[in-house]
PDB file of N, CA and C in Angstrom:
ATOM      1  N   MET A   1      66.128  62.393 -42.188  1.00  0.00           N
ATOM      2  CA  MET A   1      67.018  61.323 -42.089  1.00  0.00           C
ATOM      3  C   MET A   1      66.432  59.824 -42.183  1.00  0.00           C
ATOM      4  N   GLU A   2      66.772  59.182 -43.059  1.00  0.00           N
ATOM      5  CA  GLU A   2      65.886  58.047 -43.236  1.00  0.00           C
ATOM      6  C   GLU A   2      66.173  56.568 -42.623  1.00  0.00           C
ATOM      7  N   GLU A   3      65.443  56.378 -41.439  1.00  0.00           N
ATOM      8  CA  GLU A   3      66.021  54.926 -41.036  1.00  0.00           C
ATOM      9  C   GLU A   3      66.055  53.690 -41.677  1.00  0.00           C
ATOM     10  N   GLY A   4      66.395  52.550 -41.402  1.00  0.00           N
ATOM     11  CA  GLY A   4      67.209  51.458 -41.321  1.00  0.00           C
ATOM     12  C   GLY A   4      67.294  50.780 -40.266  1.00  0.00           C
ATOM     13  N   PHE A   5      67.723  49.165 -40.600  1.00  0.00           N
ATOM     14  CA  PHE A   5      68.372  48.440 -40.164  1.00  0.00           C
ATOM     15  C   PHE A   5      69.680  47.746 -40.739  1.00  0.00           C
ATOM     16  N   THR A   6      70.108  47.035 -40.025  1.00  0.00           N
ATOM     17  CA  THR A   6      71.601  46.084 -40.526  1.00  0.00           C
ATOM     18  C   THR A   6      71.329  44.332 -40.154  1.00  0.00           C
ATOM     19  N   LEU A   7      70.979  43.650 -40.682  1.00  0.00           N
ATOM     20  CA  LEU A   7      71.674  42.283 -40.165  1.00  0.00           C
ATOM     21  C   LEU A   7      73.056  42.015 -39.751  1.00  0.00           C
ATOM     22  N   GLU A   8      72.918  41.501 -38.766  1.00  0.00           N
ATOM     23  CA  GLU A   8      74.576  40.617 -38.280  1.00  0.00           C
ATOM     24  C   GLU A   8      74.302  39.739 -38.905  1.00  0.00           C
ATOM     25  N   LYS A   9      75.588  38.940 -39.006  1.00  0.00           N
ATOM     26  CA  LYS A   9      75.789  37.895 -39.641  1.00  0.00           C
ATOM     27  C   LYS A   9      74.912  36.795 -39.624  1.00  0.00           C
ATOM     28  N   GLU A  10      74.787  36.567 -38.071  1.00  0.00           N
ATOM     29  CA  GLU A  10      73.955  35.323 -37.756  1.00  0.00           C
ATOM     30  C   GLU A  10      72.876  35.476 -37.730  1.00  0.00           C
ATOM     31  N   HIS A  11      71.994  36.532 -37.898  1.00  0.00           N
ATOM     32  CA  HIS A  11      70.439  36.637 -38.984  1.00  0.00           C
ATOM     33  C   HIS A  11      70.749  36.490 -40.516  1.00  0.00           C
ATOM     34  N   MET A  12      71.725  36.453 -41.224  1.00  0.00           N
ATOM     35  CA  MET A  12      71.509  37.036 -42.439  1.00  0.00           C
ATOM     36  C   MET A  12      71.157  35.458 -43.161  1.00  0.00           C
ATOM     37  N   GLN A  13      71.414  34.511 -42.396  1.00  0.00           N
ATOM     38  CA  GLN A  13      70.480  33.044 -42.784  1.00  0.00           C
ATOM     39  C   GLN A  13      69.289  32.713 -42.561  1.00  0.00           C
ATOM     40  N   GLY A  14      68.803  33.291 -41.345  1.00  0.00           N
ATOM     41  CA  GLY A  14      67.373  33.199 -40.999  1.00  0.00           C
ATOM     42  C   GLY A  14      66.866  33.408 -42.700  1.00  0.00           C
ATOM     43  N   ALA A  15      66.909  35.069 -42.639  1.00  0.00           N
ATOM     44  CA  ALA A  15      66.377  36.381 -43.598  1.00  0.00           C
ATOM     45  C   ALA A  15      66.163  35.368 -44.941  1.00  0.00           C
ATOM     46  N   ARG A  16      67.387  34.768 -45.214  1.00  0.00           N
ATOM     47  CA  ARG A  16      67.466  33.890 -46.849  1.00  0.00           C
ATOM     48  C   ARG A  16      66.479  33.289 -46.353  1.00  0.00           C
ATOM     49  N   LEU A  17      65.913  32.565 -45.633  1.00  0.00           N
ATOM     50  CA  LEU A  17      65.301  31.363 -45.250  1.00  0.00           C
ATOM     51  C   LEU A  17      64.108  31.827 -45.590  1.00  0.00           C
ATOM     52  N   LEU A  18      63.630  32.870 -44.719  1.00  0.00           N
ATOM     53  CA  LEU A  18      62.123  33.802 -44.984  1.00  0.00           C
ATOM     54  C   LEU A  18      61.743  33.975 -46.302  1.00  0.00           C
ATOM     55  N   THR A  19      63.138  34.672 -46.851  1.00  0.00           N
ATOM     56  CA  THR A  19      62.920  35.072 -48.367  1.00  0.00           C
ATOM     57  C   THR A  19      62.389  33.940 -49.111  1.00  0.00           C
ATOM     58  N   MET A  20      62.994  32.405 -49.179  1.00  0.00           N
ATOM     59  CA  MET A  20      62.569  30.940 -49.453  1.00  0.00           C
ATOM     60  C   MET A  20      61.267  30.705 -49.526  1.00  0.00           C
ATOM     61  N   ARG A  21      61.049  31.332 -48.209  1.00  0.00           N
ATOM     62  CA  ARG A  21      59.316  30.725 -47.742  1.00  0.00           C
ATOM     63  C   ARG A  21      58.725  31.868 -48.783  1.00  0.00           C
ATOM     64  N   SER A  22      58.926  32.827 -48.756  1.00  0.00           N
ATOM     65  CA  SER A  22      58.019  34.271 -48.797  1.00  0.00           C
ATOM     66  C   SER A  22      57.690  33.925 -50.814  1.00  0.00           C
ATOM     67  N   GLY A  23      58.990  33.323 -51.302  1.00  0.00           N
ATOM     68  CA  GLY A  23      59.021  32.961 -52.844  1.00  0.00           C
ATOM     69  C   GLY A  23      58.406  31.702 -53.188  1.00  0.00           C
ATOM     70  N   LEU A  24      58.635  31.264 -52.395  1.00  0.00           N
ATOM     71  CA  LEU A  24      57.533  30.284 -52.437  1.00  0.00           C
ATOM     72  C   LEU A  24      56.174  30.132 -52.427  1.00  0.00           C
ATOM     73  N   LYS A  25      55.524  30.914 -51.578  1.00  0.00           N
ATOM     74  CA  LYS A  25      54.023  31.383 -51.240  1.00  0.00           C
ATOM     75  C   LYS A  25      54.046  32.141 -52.509  1.00  0.00           C
ATOM     76  N   LEU A  26      54.775  33.196 -53.591  1.00  0.00           N
ATOM     77  CA  LEU A  26      53.937  33.682 -54.598  1.00  0.00           C
ATOM     78  C   LEU A  26      54.102  32.611 -55.720  1.00  0.00           C
ATOM     79  N   GLU A  27      55.235  31.925 -55.230  1.00  0.00           N
ATOM     80  CA  GLU A  27      54.841  30.969 -56.494  1.00  0.00           C
ATOM     81  C   GLU A  27      53.996  29.809 -56.529  1.00  0.00           C
ATOM     82  N   MET A  28      53.057  29.574 -55.031  1.00  0.00           N
ATOM     83  CA  MET A  28      52.352  28.555 -55.407  1.00  0.00           C
ATOM     84  C   MET A  28      50.858  29.432 -55.989  1.00  0.00           C
ATOM     85  N   VAL A  29      50.659  31.227 -56.193  1.00  0.00           N
ATOM     86  CA  VAL A  29      49.748  31.812 -56.407  1.00  0.00           C
ATOM     87  C   VAL A  29      49.649  31.578 -57.975  1.00  0.00           C
ATOM     88  N   GLY A  30      51.043  31.456 -58.627  1.00  0.00           N
ATOM     89  CA  GLY A  30      51.683  32.046 -60.190  1.00  0.00           C
ATOM     90  C   GLY A  30      52.541  32.595 -59.869  1.00  0.00           C
ATOM     91  N   LEU A  31      53.250  33.605 -59.341  1.00  0.00           N
ATOM     92  CA  LEU A  31      54.008  34.552 -59.790  1.00  0.00           C
ATOM     93  C   LEU A  31      55.368  33.756 -59.544  1.00  0.00           C
ATOM     94  N   LYS A  32      55.981  34.673 -59.794  1.00  0.00           N
ATOM     95  CA  LYS A  32      57.724  34.243 -59.394  1.00  0.00           C
ATOM     96  C   LYS A  32      58.079  35.189 -59.211  1.00  0.00           C
ATOM     97  N   MET A  33      59.583  35.262 -58.432  1.00  0.00           N
ATOM     98  CA  MET A  33      60.289  36.244 -57.763  1.00  0.00           C
ATOM     99  C   MET A  33      61.417  36.402 -58.464  1.00  0.00           C
ATOM    100  N   SER A  34      62.415  35.225 -59.051  1.00  0.00           N
ATOM    101  CA  SER A  34      63.723  35.931 -59.756  1.00  0.00           C
ATOM    102  C   SER A  34      63.533  34.600 -61.293  1.00  0.00           C
ATOM    103  N   ARG A  35      64.310  35.366 -62.169  1.00  0.00           N
ATOM    104  CA  ARG A  35      64.766  34.694 -63.626  1.00  0.00           C
ATOM    105  C   ARG A  35      65.352  32.961 -63.357  1.00  0.00           C
ATOM    106  N   GLY A  36      65.555  33.008 -62.267  1.00  0.00           N
ATOM    107  CA  GLY A  36      66.523  31.719 -62.072  1.00  0.00           C
ATOM    108  C   GLY A  36      66.245  30.415 -61.338  1.00  0.00           C
ATOM    109  N   ILE A  37      66.372  29.598 -60.440  1.00  0.00           N
ATOM    110  CA  ILE A  37      66.517  28.741 -59.993  1.00  0.00           C
ATOM    111  C   ILE A  37      65.276  29.330 -58.949  1.00  0.00           C
ATOM    112  N   ASN A  38      63.734  27.803 -59.522  1.00  0.00           N
ATOM    113  CA  ASN A  38      62.244  29.116 -58.371  1.00  0.00           C
ATOM    114  C   ASN A  38      63.021  28.056 -56.839  1.00  0.00           C
ATOM    115  N   CYS A  39      61.930  29.178 -55.788  1.00  0.00           N
ATOM    116  CA  CYS A  39      62.500  29.100 -54.366  1.00  0.00           C
ATOM    117  C   CYS A  39      62.113  27.250 -54.128  1.00  0.00           C
ATOM    118  N   PHE A  40      60.657  26.576 -55.191  1.00  0.00           N
ATOM    119  CA  PHE A  40      59.910  25.319 -54.673  1.00  0.00           C
ATOM    120  C   PHE A  40      61.476  24.108 -54.905  1.00  0.00           C
ATOM    121  N   LYS A  41      62.226  24.501 -56.080  1.00  0.00           N
ATOM    122  CA  LYS A  41      63.003  23.066 -56.149  1.00  0.00           C
ATOM    123  C   LYS A  41      64.651  23.610 -55.459  1.00  0.00           C
ATOM    124  N   MET A  42      64.627  25.049 -54.805  1.00  0.00           N
ATOM    125  CA  MET A  42      65.620  25.549 -53.966  1.00  0.00           C
ATOM    126  C   MET A  42      65.928  24.793 -52.910  1.00  0.00           C
ATOM    127  N   ILE A  43      64.097  24.972 -52.139  1.00  0.00           N
ATOM    128  CA  ILE A  43      64.440  24.240 -50.698  1.00  0.00           C
ATOM    129  C   ILE A  43      63.757  22.753 -50.727  1.00  0.00           C
ATOM    130  N   LYS A  44      63.477  22.419 -52.137  1.00  0.00           N
ATOM    131  CA  LYS A  44      63.679  21.201 -51.904  1.00  0.00           C
ATOM    132  C   LYS A  44      64.991  20.583 -51.755  1.00  0.00           C
ATOM    133  N   GLU A  45      65.879  21.068 -53.111  1.00  0.00           N
ATOM    134  CA  GLU A  45      66.892  20.290 -52.637  1.00  0.00           C
ATOM    135  C   GLU A  45      68.020  20.787 -51.212  1.00  0.00           C
ATOM    136  N   GLU A  46      67.678  22.160 -50.889  1.00  0.00           N
ATOM    137  CA  GLU A  46      68.586  22.130 -49.331  1.00  0.00           C
ATOM    138  C   GLU A  46      67.654  21.332 -48.166  1.00  0.00           C
ATOM    139  N   THR A  47      66.703  20.859 -48.625  1.00  0.00           N
ATOM    140  CA  THR A  47      65.866  20.480 -47.314  1.00  0.00           C
ATOM    141  C   THR A  47      65.798  19.034 -47.279  1.00  0.00           C
ATOM    142  N   GLY A  48      65.867  18.190 -48.903  1.00  0.00           N
ATOM    143  CA  GLY A  48      65.411  16.994 -48.763  1.00  0.00           C
ATOM    144  C   GLY A  48      63.904  16.554 -48.661  1.00  0.00           C
ATOM    145  N   LEU A  49      62.710  17.877 -48.760  1.00  0.00           N
ATOM    146  CA  LEU A  49      61.747  17.819 -48.126  1.00  0.00           C
ATOM    147  C   LEU A  49      61.181  17.238 -49.909  1.00  0.00           C
ATOM    148  N   LYS A  50      59.917  16.958 -49.922  1.00  0.00           N
ATOM    149  CA  LYS A  50      58.637  16.548 -50.419  1.00  0.00           C
ATOM    150  C   LYS A  50      57.608  16.931 -50.691  1.00  0.00           C
ATOM    151  N   GLY A  51      57.261  16.340 -52.135  1.00  0.00           N
ATOM    152  CA  GLY A  51      56.057  16.595 -52.365  1.00  0.00           C
ATOM    153  C   GLY A  51      55.431  17.771 -52.818  1.00  0.00           C
ATOM    154  N   SER A  52      54.277  17.921 -53.240  1.00  0.00           N
ATOM    155  CA  SER A  52      53.195  19.299 -53.490  1.00  0.00           C
ATOM    156  C   SER A  52      54.387  21.088 -53.659  1.00  0.00           C
ATOM    157  N   LYS A  53      54.074  21.838 -54.102  1.00  0.00           N
ATOM    158  CA  LYS A  53      54.202  23.250 -53.374  1.00  0.00           C
ATOM    159  C   LYS A  53      54.017  22.950 -51.859  1.00  0.00           C
ATOM    160  N   GLN A  54      52.052  23.016 -52.078  1.00  0.00           N
ATOM    161  CA  GLN A  54      51.747  23.396 -50.746  1.00  0.00           C
ATOM    162  C   GLN A  54      51.938  22.194 -49.851  1.00  0.00           C
ATOM    163  N   LYS A  55      52.251  21.437 -49.948  1.00  0.00           N
ATOM    164  CA  LYS A  55      53.010  20.087 -48.982  1.00  0.00           C
ATOM    165  C   LYS A  55      54.547  21.024 -48.622  1.00  0.00           C
ATOM    166  N   VAL A  56      55.345  21.228 -49.551  1.00  0.00           N
ATOM    167  CA  VAL A  56      56.902  21.701 -48.960  1.00  0.00           C
ATOM    168  C   VAL A  56      56.677  23.176 -48.289  1.00  0.00           C
ATOM    169  N   TYR A  57      56.026  24.170 -48.403  1.00  0.00           N
ATOM    170  CA  TYR A  57      55.362  25.014 -48.250  1.00  0.00           C
ATOM    171  C   TYR A  57      55.146  24.618 -46.224  1.00  0.00           C
ATOM    172  N   ASP A  58      54.293  23.688 -46.252  1.00  0.00           N
ATOM    173  CA  ASP A  58      53.715  23.600 -44.936  1.00  0.00           C
ATOM    174  C   ASP A  58      55.098  23.119 -43.680  1.00  0.00           C
ATOM    175  N   ASP A  59      55.995  22.319 -44.614  1.00  0.00           N
ATOM    176  CA  ASP A  59      56.705  21.011 -44.278  1.00  0.00           C
ATOM    177  C   ASP A  59      57.803  22.295 -43.720  1.00  0.00           C
ATOM    178  N   PHE A  60      57.878  23.143 -44.558  1.00  0.00           N
ATOM    179  CA  PHE A  60      59.257  24.563 -44.242  1.00  0.00           C
ATOM    180  C   PHE A  60      59.161  24.972 -43.317  1.00  0.00           C
ATOM    181  N   SER A  61      57.733  25.844 -43.074  1.00  0.00           N
ATOM    182  CA  SER A  61      57.516  26.778 -42.197  1.00  0.00           C
ATOM    183  C   SER A  61      57.464  25.699 -40.851  1.00  0.00           C
ATOM    184  N   ASN A  62      56.972  24.762 -40.826  1.00  0.00           N
ATOM    185  CA  ASN A  62      57.408  23.803 -39.792  1.00  0.00           C
ATOM    186  C   ASN A  62      58.475  23.787 -39.023  1.00  0.00           C
ATOM    187  N   LEU A  63      59.401  23.615 -40.362  1.00  0.00           N
ATOM    188  CA  LEU A  63      61.137  23.476 -39.967  1.00  0.00           C
ATOM    189  C   LEU A  63      61.641  24.634 -39.067  1.00  0.00           C
ATOM    190  N   LEU A  64      60.925  26.170 -39.789  1.00  0.00           N
ATOM    191  CA  LEU A  64      61.675  27.105 -39.422  1.00  0.00           C
ATOM    192  C   LEU A  64      61.403  27.412 -37.986  1.00  0.00           C
ATOM    193  N   ARG A  65      59.940  26.972 -37.762  1.00  0.00           N
ATOM    194  CA  ARG A  65      59.683  27.242 -36.304  1.00  0.00           C
ATOM    195  C   ARG A  65      59.887  26.517 -35.464  1.00  0.00           C
ATOM    196  N   GLU A  66      60.043  25.392 -35.845  1.00  0.00           N
ATOM    197  CA  GLU A  66      61.394  24.300 -35.111  1.00  0.00           C
ATOM    198  C   GLU A  66      62.642  24.815 -34.678  1.00  0.00           C
ATOM    199  N   ALA A  67      62.982  25.366 -35.648  1.00  0.00           N
ATOM    200  CA  ALA A  67      64.755  26.559 -35.266  1.00  0.00           C
ATOM    201  C   ALA A  67      64.489  27.845 -34.816  1.00  0.00           C
ATOM    202  N   GLY A  68      63.169  28.100 -34.952  1.00  0.00           N
ATOM    203  CA  GLY A  68      62.983  29.858 -34.431  1.00  0.00           C
ATOM    204  C   GLY A  68      63.087  30.871 -35.054  1.00  0.00           C
ATOM    205  N   ILE A  69      63.257  30.123 -36.319  1.00  0.00           N
ATOM    206  CA  ILE A  69      63.272  31.589 -37.607  1.00  0.00           C
ATOM    207  C   ILE A  69      62.516  32.202 -37.825  1.00  0.00           C
ATOM    208  N   LEU A  70      61.258  31.751 -37.614  1.00  0.00           N
ATOM    209  CA  LEU A  70      59.749  32.109 -38.332  1.00  0.00           C
ATOM    210  C   LEU A  70      58.783  31.855 -36.947  1.00  0.00           C
ATOM    211  N   ILE A  71      57.934  33.066 -36.346  1.00  0.00           N
ATOM    212  CA  ILE A  71      57.221  33.573 -35.074  1.00  0.00           C
ATOM    213  C   ILE A  71      56.455  33.596 -35.661  1.00  0.00           C
ATOM    214  N   ASP A  72      55.167  32.652 -35.530  1.00  0.00           N
ATOM    215  CA  ASP A  72      53.384  33.294 -36.166  1.00  0.00           C
ATOM    216  C   ASP A  72      53.100  33.899 -35.423  1.00  0.00           C
TER     217      ASP A  72
END
């Protein structure tokens, strides 16, 4: 029997934000997560953050930490 997990509705947004953060990290080293809009652009549009990919990554990570979504 295969084990797995399910996300409750209230955790889905957090999972989405963490996925966007991971996608931006991939974009910082030259990889793409999908063919559509890139994570860098999505994060900037949704949060209003500005700057380089590294600055947006750092600022976005801090926002996620403050919200309790990202725990290092």
